[in-house]
Amino acid sequence: MKITPVLFVDAIEPSLPFWVDRLGFTKTVEVPEGDRLGFAMLIHGPAEIMLQTRASLEKDLPALLDLARPSGCLFIEVEDFADLLRRVDGCEVVVPVRDTFYGMREIVVREPGGHSLCFAARIQT
């Protein structure tokens, strides 16, 4: 089984610098829609994420449009938390760095499309 989140956004272009330049993803597929992108697929090692505009979704699957608002949080485990903090410096912080009872150090930030992302690394003992 493979699970790939699709994040619905108003516009893809503002999100690309976050995912590509900050987090190191590579854009592997892009589908233009008029003079903008309607869809993009990004990968980073085994991780994959798709971005689709709400306008593109409305044309493709209008029944899902009411569900296409940020309503969850992606939990993304990283190995180097210090490096991650440098990468998200300047982003909107939703939950500041914290250590959890389950042995993770976490921070939650909002990406340009409005989605919350919880980055976590195991606390080294």
Protein backbone atom coordinates (compact mmCIF):
# COMPACT_ATOMS: atom_id res chain seq x y z
CA MET A 1 0.00 0.00 0.00
CA LYS A 2 1.14 3.50 -0.78
CA ILE A 3 -0.43 6.67 0.56
CA THR A 4 0.18 10.02 -1.11
CA PRO A 5 -1.47 13.11 0.33
CA VAL A 6 -3.05 15.57 -2.08
CA LEU A 7 -3.07 19.10 -0.71
CA PHE A 8 -5.63 21.40 -2.28
CA VAL A 9 -4.46 25.00 -2.59
CA ASP A 10 -5.63 28.21 -4.20
CA ALA A 11 -2.38 28.44 -6.20
CA ILE A 12 0.54 26.03 -6.50
CA GLU A 13 3.25 28.55 -7.35
CA PRO A 14 3.47 30.12 -3.84
CA SER A 15 3.93 26.64 -2.31
CA LEU A 16 6.74 25.43 -4.57
CA PRO A 17 9.58 27.42 -2.92
CA PHE A 18 8.55 25.98 0.45
CA TRP A 19 8.46 22.35 -0.70
CA VAL A 20 11.35 22.49 -3.20
CA ASP A 21 13.79 25.13 -1.90
CA ARG A 22 13.22 24.78 1.84
CA LEU A 23 12.43 21.08 2.21
CA GLY A 24 14.34 19.63 -0.72
CA PHE A 25 11.50 18.03 -2.68
CA THR A 26 11.80 17.63 -6.45
CA LYS A 27 8.94 18.51 -8.76
CA THR A 28 8.46 15.46 -10.98
CA VAL A 29 5.16 16.25 -12.68
CA GLU A 30 3.36 19.48 -13.42
CA VAL A 31 0.10 20.00 -15.24
CA PRO A 32 -0.59 23.51 -16.48
CA GLU A 33 -4.02 24.99 -16.34
CA GLY A 34 -4.14 28.16 -18.39
CA ASP A 35 -1.19 30.37 -17.43
CA ARG A 36 -0.75 28.69 -14.01
CA LEU A 37 -0.22 25.21 -12.67
CA GLY A 38 -3.27 23.11 -11.86
CA PHE A 39 -1.38 20.13 -10.43
CA ALA A 40 2.14 19.21 -9.31
CA MET A 41 3.72 16.07 -7.92
CA LEU A 42 6.71 16.38 -5.59
CA ILE A 43 9.05 13.70 -4.23
CA HIS A 44 11.76 13.51 -1.60
CA GLY A 45 13.23 10.04 -1.30
CA PRO A 46 10.27 7.73 -0.65
CA ALA A 47 8.01 10.64 0.33
CA GLU A 48 5.55 11.95 -2.22
CA ILE A 49 3.05 14.78 -2.09
CA MET A 50 0.68 16.21 -4.67
CA LEU A 51 -0.57 19.78 -4.92
CA GLN A 52 -3.76 20.53 -6.82
CA THR A 53 -5.56 23.82 -7.15
CA ARG A 54 -9.15 24.04 -6.00
CA ALA A 55 -10.04 25.33 -9.48
CA SER A 56 -8.55 22.20 -11.04
CA LEU A 57 -10.38 20.01 -8.53
CA GLU A 58 -13.65 21.76 -9.29
CA LYS A 59 -13.27 20.85 -12.97
CA ASP A 60 -12.09 17.30 -12.29
CA LEU A 61 -14.08 16.18 -9.22
CA PRO A 62 -16.59 18.87 -8.24
CA ALA A 63 -18.18 16.59 -5.62
CA LEU A 64 -14.98 16.91 -3.53
CA LEU A 65 -14.72 20.69 -3.64
CA ASP A 66 -16.49 21.20 -0.30
CA LEU A 67 -13.86 18.97 1.34
CA ALA A 68 -10.89 20.76 -0.21
CA ARG A 69 -10.06 23.04 2.71
CA PRO A 70 -7.14 22.52 5.10
CA SER A 71 -8.58 20.32 7.82
CA GLY A 72 -5.80 18.03 8.95
CA CYS A 73 -2.14 18.02 9.80
CA LEU A 74 0.60 16.06 8.07
CA PHE A 75 2.98 14.35 10.50
CA ILE A 76 6.43 14.29 8.91
CA GLU A 77 9.24 12.49 10.70
CA VAL A 78 12.75 13.81 10.03
CA GLU A 79 16.16 12.63 11.15
CA ASP A 80 17.89 15.99 11.65
CA PHE A 81 15.64 18.30 13.66
CA ALA A 82 18.21 21.12 13.81
CA ASP A 83 18.43 21.12 10.01
CA LEU A 84 14.64 21.13 9.76
CA LEU A 85 14.44 24.16 12.06
CA ARG A 86 16.81 26.05 9.75
CA ARG A 87 14.66 25.09 6.76
CA VAL A 88 11.40 26.35 8.29
CA ASP A 89 12.89 29.50 9.82
CA GLY A 90 10.55 32.39 9.05
CA CYS A 91 7.50 30.19 8.46
CA GLU A 92 4.33 30.70 10.48
CA VAL A 93 4.68 28.60 13.63
CA VAL A 94 1.43 27.02 14.79
CA VAL A 95 2.95 25.05 17.70
CA PRO A 96 6.44 25.97 18.92
CA VAL A 97 9.12 23.33 19.47
CA ARG A 98 8.09 20.88 22.15
CA ASP A 99 9.17 17.52 23.50
CA THR A 100 6.38 14.97 23.73
CA PHE A 101 5.66 12.19 26.19
CA TYR A 102 6.13 9.72 23.33
CA GLY A 103 9.76 10.69 22.79
CA MET A 104 9.56 13.11 19.87
CA ARG A 105 10.68 16.71 19.44
CA GLU A 106 8.13 18.51 17.29
CA ILE A 107 7.24 21.80 15.67
CA VAL A 108 4.08 22.59 13.71
CA VAL A 109 4.27 25.16 10.93
CA ARG A 110 1.83 26.33 8.28
CA GLU A 111 2.91 25.98 4.65
CA PRO A 112 1.94 28.64 2.07
CA GLY A 113 -1.17 26.69 0.98
CA GLY A 114 -2.55 26.91 4.52
CA HIS A 115 -1.89 23.32 5.63
CA SER A 116 -0.40 22.50 9.02
CA LEU A 117 2.71 20.34 9.01
CA CYS A 118 4.03 18.69 12.17
CA PHE A 119 7.72 17.91 11.82
CA ALA A 120 9.09 15.49 14.39
CA ALA A 121 12.33 13.73 15.26
CA ARG A 122 13.06 11.11 17.87
CA ILE A 123 14.72 12.61 20.93
CA GLN A 124 18.20 11.15 21.23
CA THR A 125 18.81 9.69 24.68
